[in-house]
């Protein structure tokens, strides 16, 4: 899918097609996170990013469960 960069006020933005907004459950005012890796731009919804961070936290807590229980005493 090709998108065009457009001037929006003093900035430049990308207009996302309605089909993309609907597919990912996005609406005006939602927050997105932009990551760049090796020349690739990746947009993620903030909710996806939060879920990812929670999963990392759970894995950390599982890995160090005994140590965390000792610290909690």
C-alpha atoms as a PDB file:
ATOM      1  CA  UNK A   1       0.000   0.000   0.000  1.00  0.00           C
ATOM      2  CA  UNK A   2       1.448   3.341  -1.015  1.00  0.00           C
ATOM      3  CA  UNK A   3       0.782   6.368   1.167  1.00  0.00           C
ATOM      4  CA  UNK A   4       1.630   9.997   0.464  1.00  0.00           C
ATOM      5  CA  UNK A   5       3.197  12.368   2.975  1.00  0.00           C
ATOM      6  CA  UNK A   6       1.050  15.492   3.269  1.00  0.00           C
ATOM      7  CA  UNK A   7       1.605  18.887   4.853  1.00  0.00           C
ATOM      8  CA  UNK A   8      -0.559  19.287   7.955  1.00  0.00           C
ATOM      9  CA  UNK A   9      -0.052  22.720   9.513  1.00  0.00           C
ATOM     10  CA  UNK A  10       3.681  23.082  10.202  1.00  0.00           C
ATOM     11  CA  UNK A  11       4.179  19.295  10.145  1.00  0.00           C
ATOM     12  CA  UNK A  12       4.060  16.494   7.627  1.00  0.00           C
ATOM     13  CA  UNK A  13       1.789  13.514   8.179  1.00  0.00           C
ATOM     14  CA  UNK A  14       0.439  10.335   6.678  1.00  0.00           C
ATOM     15  CA  UNK A  15      -3.277   9.839   6.154  1.00  0.00           C
ATOM     16  CA  UNK A  16      -4.284   6.275   7.025  1.00  0.00           C
ATOM     17  CA  UNK A  17      -7.070   4.816   4.891  1.00  0.00           C
ATOM     18  CA  UNK A  18     -10.380   3.975   6.586  1.00  0.00           C
ATOM     19  CA  UNK A  19      -9.898   0.259   5.884  1.00  0.00           C
ATOM     20  CA  UNK A  20      -6.651   0.279   7.900  1.00  0.00           C
ATOM     21  CA  UNK A  21      -8.259   2.207  10.755  1.00  0.00           C
ATOM     22  CA  UNK A  22     -11.161  -0.260  10.835  1.00  0.00           C
ATOM     23  CA  UNK A  23      -8.913  -3.335  10.595  1.00  0.00           C
ATOM     24  CA  UNK A  24      -6.863  -2.257  13.610  1.00  0.00           C
ATOM     25  CA  UNK A  25      -9.681  -0.620  15.573  1.00  0.00           C
ATOM     26  CA  UNK A  26      -8.062   2.817  15.442  1.00  0.00           C
ATOM     27  CA  UNK A  27      -9.828   6.156  15.624  1.00  0.00           C
ATOM     28  CA  UNK A  28      -8.941   9.827  15.681  1.00  0.00           C
ATOM     29  CA  UNK A  29      -7.105  10.712  18.883  1.00  0.00           C
ATOM     30  CA  UNK A  30      -5.601   7.245  19.466  1.00  0.00           C
ATOM     31  CA  UNK A  31      -1.888   7.124  20.258  1.00  0.00           C
ATOM     32  CA  UNK A  32       0.600   5.249  18.128  1.00  0.00           C
ATOM     33  CA  UNK A  33       4.236   4.390  18.796  1.00  0.00           C
ATOM     34  CA  UNK A  34       6.754   4.741  15.970  1.00  0.00           C
ATOM     35  CA  UNK A  35       9.781   2.441  15.944  1.00  0.00           C
ATOM     36  CA  UNK A  36      12.588   2.523  13.418  1.00  0.00           C
ATOM     37  CA  UNK A  37      14.838  -0.439  12.790  1.00  0.00           C
ATOM     38  CA  UNK A  38      17.264  -0.908   9.924  1.00  0.00           C
ATOM     39  CA  UNK A  39      15.472   1.589   7.698  1.00  0.00           C
ATOM     40  CA  UNK A  40      11.989   0.229   8.516  1.00  0.00           C
ATOM     41  CA  UNK A  41       9.245   2.386  10.038  1.00  0.00           C
ATOM     42  CA  UNK A  42       6.851   0.458  12.270  1.00  0.00           C
ATOM     43  CA  UNK A  43       3.666   1.884  13.793  1.00  0.00           C
ATOM     44  CA  UNK A  44       2.101   0.157  16.803  1.00  0.00           C
ATOM     45  CA  UNK A  45      -0.933   1.106  18.780  1.00  0.00           C
ATOM     46  CA  UNK A  46      -0.058   2.203  22.309  1.00  0.00           C
ATOM     47  CA  UNK A  47      -2.293  -0.577  23.664  1.00  0.00           C
ATOM     48  CA  UNK A  48      -0.204  -3.180  21.801  1.00  0.00           C
ATOM     49  CA  UNK A  49       2.974  -1.645  23.192  1.00  0.00           C
ATOM     50  CA  UNK A  50       1.564  -1.724  26.749  1.00  0.00           C
ATOM     51  CA  UNK A  51       0.545  -5.373  26.343  1.00  0.00           C
ATOM     52  CA  UNK A  52       4.056  -6.153  25.090  1.00  0.00           C
ATOM     53  CA  UNK A  53       5.624  -4.454  28.118  1.00  0.00           C
ATOM     54  CA  UNK A  54       3.311  -6.353  30.491  1.00  0.00           C
ATOM     55  CA  UNK A  55       4.342  -9.638  28.863  1.00  0.00           C
ATOM     56  CA  UNK A  56       8.029  -8.782  29.337  1.00  0.00           C
ATOM     57  CA  UNK A  57       7.310  -7.988  32.999  1.00  0.00           C
ATOM     58  CA  UNK A  58       5.527 -11.312  33.496  1.00  0.00           C
ATOM     59  CA  UNK A  59       8.429 -13.250  31.975  1.00  0.00           C
ATOM     60  CA  UNK A  60      10.850 -11.386  34.246  1.00  0.00           C
ATOM     61  CA  UNK A  61       8.737 -12.157  37.323  1.00  0.00           C
ATOM     62  CA  UNK A  62       8.465 -15.833  36.359  1.00  0.00           C
ATOM     63  CA  UNK A  63      12.216 -16.096  35.831  1.00  0.00           C
ATOM     64  CA  UNK A  64      13.077 -14.442  39.157  1.00  0.00           C
ATOM     65  CA  UNK A  65      10.059 -15.625  41.167  1.00  0.00           C
ATOM     66  CA  UNK A  66      12.088 -17.050  44.070  1.00  0.00           C
ATOM     67  CA  UNK A  67      14.329 -13.986  44.363  1.00  0.00           C
ATOM     68  CA  UNK A  68      11.323 -11.645  44.279  1.00  0.00           C
ATOM     69  CA  UNK A  69       9.575 -13.689  46.991  1.00  0.00           C
ATOM     70  CA  UNK A  70      12.681 -13.465  49.184  1.00  0.00           C
ATOM     71  CA  UNK A  71      12.876  -9.712  48.650  1.00  0.00           C
ATOM     72  CA  UNK A  72       9.206  -9.356  49.600  1.00  0.00           C
ATOM     73  CA  UNK A  73       9.775 -10.934  53.043  1.00  0.00           C
END
